[in-house]
Amino acid sequence: MKITINTRTVFLFPTGLITNRFTAGIISRNLKKEGVRLTKKQTSLFIKEIIRYKKNHADWNLVEFESKNGDMVEVKI
């Protein structure tokens, strides 16, 4: 995963550390607190599909937005 802020600051995270079953459990517990009912299995399947999509579309942006003060943030998997 690559997070770019204003094309100067770049953070790199190993995708395997972020997209795994342990993380899926954390995500599902946090979503449950917000009122969204997803099981760990459903969340794992969603993460698996994101990884599969990434293999076919390597230059895909997961999130891209601009803040009020003009900072541009881009997240690629």
N, C-alpha and C. Protein backbone atom coordinates (compact mmCIF):
# COMPACT_ATOMS: atom_id res chain seq x y z
N MET A 1 0.85 -1.16 0.00
CA MET A 1 0.00 0.00 0.00
C MET A 1 0.90 1.22 0.00
N LYS A 2 0.53 2.19 -0.80
CA LYS A 2 1.32 3.42 -0.94
C LYS A 2 0.40 4.61 -0.67
N ILE A 3 0.78 5.44 0.30
CA ILE A 3 0.01 6.64 0.62
C ILE A 3 0.87 7.84 0.26
N THR A 4 0.37 8.69 -0.63
CA THR A 4 1.10 9.87 -1.09
C THR A 4 0.34 11.12 -0.67
N ILE A 5 1.06 12.06 -0.07
CA ILE A 5 0.47 13.34 0.33
C ILE A 5 1.25 14.44 -0.36
N ASN A 6 0.56 15.20 -1.21
CA ASN A 6 1.17 16.32 -1.95
C ASN A 6 2.39 15.90 -2.76
N THR A 7 2.46 14.71 -3.23
CA THR A 7 3.55 14.15 -4.05
C THR A 7 4.93 14.26 -3.40
N ARG A 8 5.02 14.73 -2.18
CA ARG A 8 6.31 14.82 -1.49
C ARG A 8 6.43 13.75 -0.41
N THR A 9 5.40 13.57 0.37
CA THR A 9 5.43 12.62 1.47
C THR A 9 4.83 11.30 1.01
N VAL A 10 5.61 10.25 1.11
CA VAL A 10 5.16 8.93 0.66
C VAL A 10 5.36 7.94 1.80
N PHE A 11 4.32 7.21 2.12
CA PHE A 11 4.38 6.15 3.11
C PHE A 11 4.14 4.83 2.39
N LEU A 12 5.01 3.87 2.62
CA LEU A 12 4.86 2.55 2.02
C LEU A 12 4.60 1.52 3.12
N PHE A 13 3.59 0.70 2.94
CA PHE A 13 3.27 -0.37 3.87
C PHE A 13 3.17 -1.67 3.08
N PRO A 14 3.72 -2.78 3.58
CA PRO A 14 3.55 -4.05 2.90
C PRO A 14 2.07 -4.45 2.87
N THR A 15 1.55 -4.67 1.70
CA THR A 15 0.13 -4.98 1.55
C THR A 15 -0.25 -6.24 2.32
N GLY A 16 0.66 -7.21 2.39
CA GLY A 16 0.37 -8.45 3.11
C GLY A 16 0.15 -8.24 4.59
N LEU A 17 0.80 -7.24 5.17
CA LEU A 17 0.59 -6.95 6.59
C LEU A 17 -0.74 -6.26 6.85
N ILE A 18 -1.21 -5.53 5.88
CA ILE A 18 -2.44 -4.77 6.05
C ILE A 18 -3.66 -5.61 5.66
N THR A 19 -3.52 -6.44 4.66
CA THR A 19 -4.65 -7.22 4.16
C THR A 19 -4.47 -8.69 4.53
N ASN A 20 -4.86 -9.04 5.74
CA ASN A 20 -4.82 -10.43 6.18
C ASN A 20 -6.01 -10.72 7.08
N ARG A 21 -6.13 -11.96 7.55
CA ARG A 21 -7.30 -12.34 8.35
C ARG A 21 -7.31 -11.65 9.72
N PHE A 22 -6.15 -11.41 10.29
CA PHE A 22 -6.08 -10.71 11.57
C PHE A 22 -6.65 -9.30 11.44
N THR A 23 -6.23 -8.60 10.40
CA THR A 23 -6.73 -7.26 10.14
C THR A 23 -8.23 -7.29 9.84
N ALA A 24 -8.70 -8.33 9.15
CA ALA A 24 -10.12 -8.46 8.86
C ALA A 24 -10.93 -8.54 10.15
N GLY A 25 -10.40 -9.24 11.15
CA GLY A 25 -11.09 -9.31 12.44
C GLY A 25 -11.16 -7.96 13.12
N ILE A 26 -10.08 -7.21 13.06
CA ILE A 26 -10.06 -5.86 13.65
C ILE A 26 -11.07 -4.96 12.94
N ILE A 27 -11.08 -5.04 11.61
CA ILE A 27 -12.00 -4.21 10.83
C ILE A 27 -13.44 -4.56 11.16
N SER A 28 -13.77 -5.86 11.23
CA SER A 28 -15.16 -6.25 11.51
C SER A 28 -15.59 -5.83 12.91
N ARG A 29 -14.68 -5.89 13.90
CA ARG A 29 -15.03 -5.44 15.26
C ARG A 29 -15.28 -3.93 15.29
N ASN A 30 -14.47 -3.16 14.58
CA ASN A 30 -14.66 -1.71 14.55
C ASN A 30 -15.93 -1.33 13.79
N LEU A 31 -16.23 -2.06 12.72
CA LEU A 31 -17.47 -1.80 12.00
C LEU A 31 -18.69 -2.13 12.86
N LYS A 32 -18.57 -3.17 13.67
CA LYS A 32 -19.67 -3.56 14.55
C LYS A 32 -19.98 -2.45 15.54
N LYS A 33 -18.95 -1.77 16.04
CA LYS A 33 -19.15 -0.65 16.95
C LYS A 33 -19.89 0.50 16.27
N GLU A 34 -19.71 0.62 14.95
CA GLU A 34 -20.37 1.68 14.18
C GLU A 34 -21.75 1.27 13.69
N GLY A 35 -22.16 0.03 13.97
CA GLY A 35 -23.48 -0.43 13.58
C GLY A 35 -23.52 -1.17 12.26
N VAL A 36 -22.37 -1.45 11.66
CA VAL A 36 -22.32 -2.19 10.41
C VAL A 36 -22.04 -3.65 10.74
N ARG A 37 -22.91 -4.54 10.32
CA ARG A 37 -22.77 -5.96 10.66
C ARG A 37 -22.08 -6.71 9.52
N LEU A 38 -20.79 -6.95 9.67
CA LEU A 38 -20.01 -7.78 8.75
C LEU A 38 -19.22 -8.78 9.59
N THR A 39 -19.26 -10.03 9.20
CA THR A 39 -18.49 -11.03 9.93
C THR A 39 -17.04 -10.97 9.50
N LYS A 40 -16.20 -11.65 10.27
CA LYS A 40 -14.78 -11.71 9.92
C LYS A 40 -14.60 -12.41 8.57
N LYS A 41 -15.42 -13.42 8.31
CA LYS A 41 -15.34 -14.13 7.03
C LYS A 41 -15.71 -13.22 5.86
N GLN A 42 -16.75 -12.42 6.02
CA GLN A 42 -17.15 -11.48 4.96
C GLN A 42 -16.08 -10.43 4.73
N THR A 43 -15.50 -9.93 5.79
CA THR A 43 -14.45 -8.92 5.67
C THR A 43 -13.22 -9.52 5.00
N SER A 44 -12.87 -10.76 5.35
CA SER A 44 -11.73 -11.44 4.72
C SER A 44 -11.97 -11.61 3.23
N LEU A 45 -13.19 -11.98 2.86
CA LEU A 45 -13.53 -12.14 1.45
C LEU A 45 -13.42 -10.81 0.71
N PHE A 46 -13.86 -9.72 1.33
CA PHE A 46 -13.75 -8.39 0.73
C PHE A 46 -12.29 -8.02 0.49
N ILE A 47 -11.43 -8.26 1.48
CA ILE A 47 -10.00 -7.97 1.34
C ILE A 47 -9.39 -8.83 0.24
N LYS A 48 -9.79 -10.09 0.18
CA LYS A 48 -9.29 -11.00 -0.86
C LYS A 48 -9.65 -10.50 -2.25
N GLU A 49 -10.87 -9.99 -2.41
CA GLU A 49 -11.30 -9.46 -3.70
C GLU A 49 -10.55 -8.18 -4.07
N ILE A 50 -10.24 -7.35 -3.09
CA ILE A 50 -9.44 -6.14 -3.37
C ILE A 50 -8.06 -6.54 -3.89
N ILE A 51 -7.44 -7.54 -3.26
CA ILE A 51 -6.12 -8.01 -3.70
C ILE A 51 -6.20 -8.58 -5.11
N ARG A 52 -7.25 -9.35 -5.38
CA ARG A 52 -7.42 -9.94 -6.73
C ARG A 52 -7.62 -8.85 -7.77
N TYR A 53 -8.38 -7.81 -7.44
CA TYR A 53 -8.60 -6.69 -8.35
C TYR A 53 -7.30 -5.97 -8.63
N LYS A 54 -6.47 -5.82 -7.59
CA LYS A 54 -5.19 -5.13 -7.73
C LYS A 54 -4.27 -5.83 -8.71
N LYS A 55 -4.31 -7.15 -8.75
CA LYS A 55 -3.46 -7.90 -9.68
C LYS A 55 -3.77 -7.56 -11.13
N ASN A 56 -5.03 -7.30 -11.42
CA ASN A 56 -5.44 -6.97 -12.79
C ASN A 56 -5.34 -5.49 -13.11
N HIS A 57 -5.40 -4.65 -12.08
CA HIS A 57 -5.38 -3.19 -12.26
C HIS A 57 -4.34 -2.60 -11.32
N ALA A 58 -3.09 -2.69 -11.70
CA ALA A 58 -1.98 -2.33 -10.82
C ALA A 58 -1.95 -0.85 -10.46
N ASP A 59 -2.44 0.02 -11.30
CA ASP A 59 -2.36 1.46 -11.04
C ASP A 59 -3.67 2.01 -10.48
N TRP A 60 -4.41 1.20 -9.77
CA TRP A 60 -5.73 1.55 -9.24
C TRP A 60 -5.59 2.34 -7.95
N ASN A 61 -6.32 3.45 -7.82
CA ASN A 61 -6.35 4.26 -6.60
C ASN A 61 -7.52 3.81 -5.74
N LEU A 62 -7.23 3.42 -4.51
CA LEU A 62 -8.29 3.06 -3.58
C LEU A 62 -9.02 4.31 -3.11
N VAL A 63 -8.26 5.35 -2.75
CA VAL A 63 -8.83 6.62 -2.29
C VAL A 63 -8.00 7.75 -2.86
N GLU A 64 -8.68 8.79 -3.30
CA GLU A 64 -8.00 10.00 -3.78
C GLU A 64 -8.88 11.19 -3.42
N PHE A 65 -8.33 12.14 -2.66
CA PHE A 65 -9.12 13.30 -2.29
C PHE A 65 -8.22 14.50 -2.03
N GLU A 66 -8.86 15.67 -1.97
CA GLU A 66 -8.16 16.92 -1.71
C GLU A 66 -8.79 17.57 -0.48
N SER A 67 -7.96 17.99 0.47
CA SER A 67 -8.48 18.61 1.68
C SER A 67 -8.81 20.08 1.43
N LYS A 68 -9.42 20.71 2.41
CA LYS A 68 -9.80 22.12 2.28
C LYS A 68 -8.61 23.03 2.05
N ASN A 69 -7.48 22.69 2.69
CA ASN A 69 -6.30 23.56 2.55
C ASN A 69 -5.46 23.20 1.34
N GLY A 70 -5.94 22.32 0.46
CA GLY A 70 -5.26 22.03 -0.79
C GLY A 70 -4.35 20.83 -0.78
N ASP A 71 -4.28 20.10 0.34
CA ASP A 71 -3.44 18.90 0.38
C ASP A 71 -4.12 17.78 -0.41
N MET A 72 -3.35 17.17 -1.30
CA MET A 72 -3.86 16.08 -2.11
C MET A 72 -3.38 14.77 -1.50
N VAL A 73 -4.30 13.83 -1.25
CA VAL A 73 -3.96 12.54 -0.66
C VAL A 73 -4.40 11.44 -1.61
N GLU A 74 -3.52 10.48 -1.85
CA GLU A 74 -3.80 9.38 -2.76
C GLU A 74 -3.35 8.08 -2.09
N VAL A 75 -4.24 7.08 -2.09
CA VAL A 75 -3.92 5.78 -1.49
C VAL A 75 -4.04 4.73 -2.59
N LYS A 76 -2.93 4.04 -2.84
CA LYS A 76 -2.91 2.95 -3.82
C LYS A 76 -2.61 1.66 -3.09
N ILE A 77 -3.23 0.59 -3.53
CA ILE A 77 -2.92 -0.71 -2.95
C ILE A 77 -1.92 -1.40 -3.82
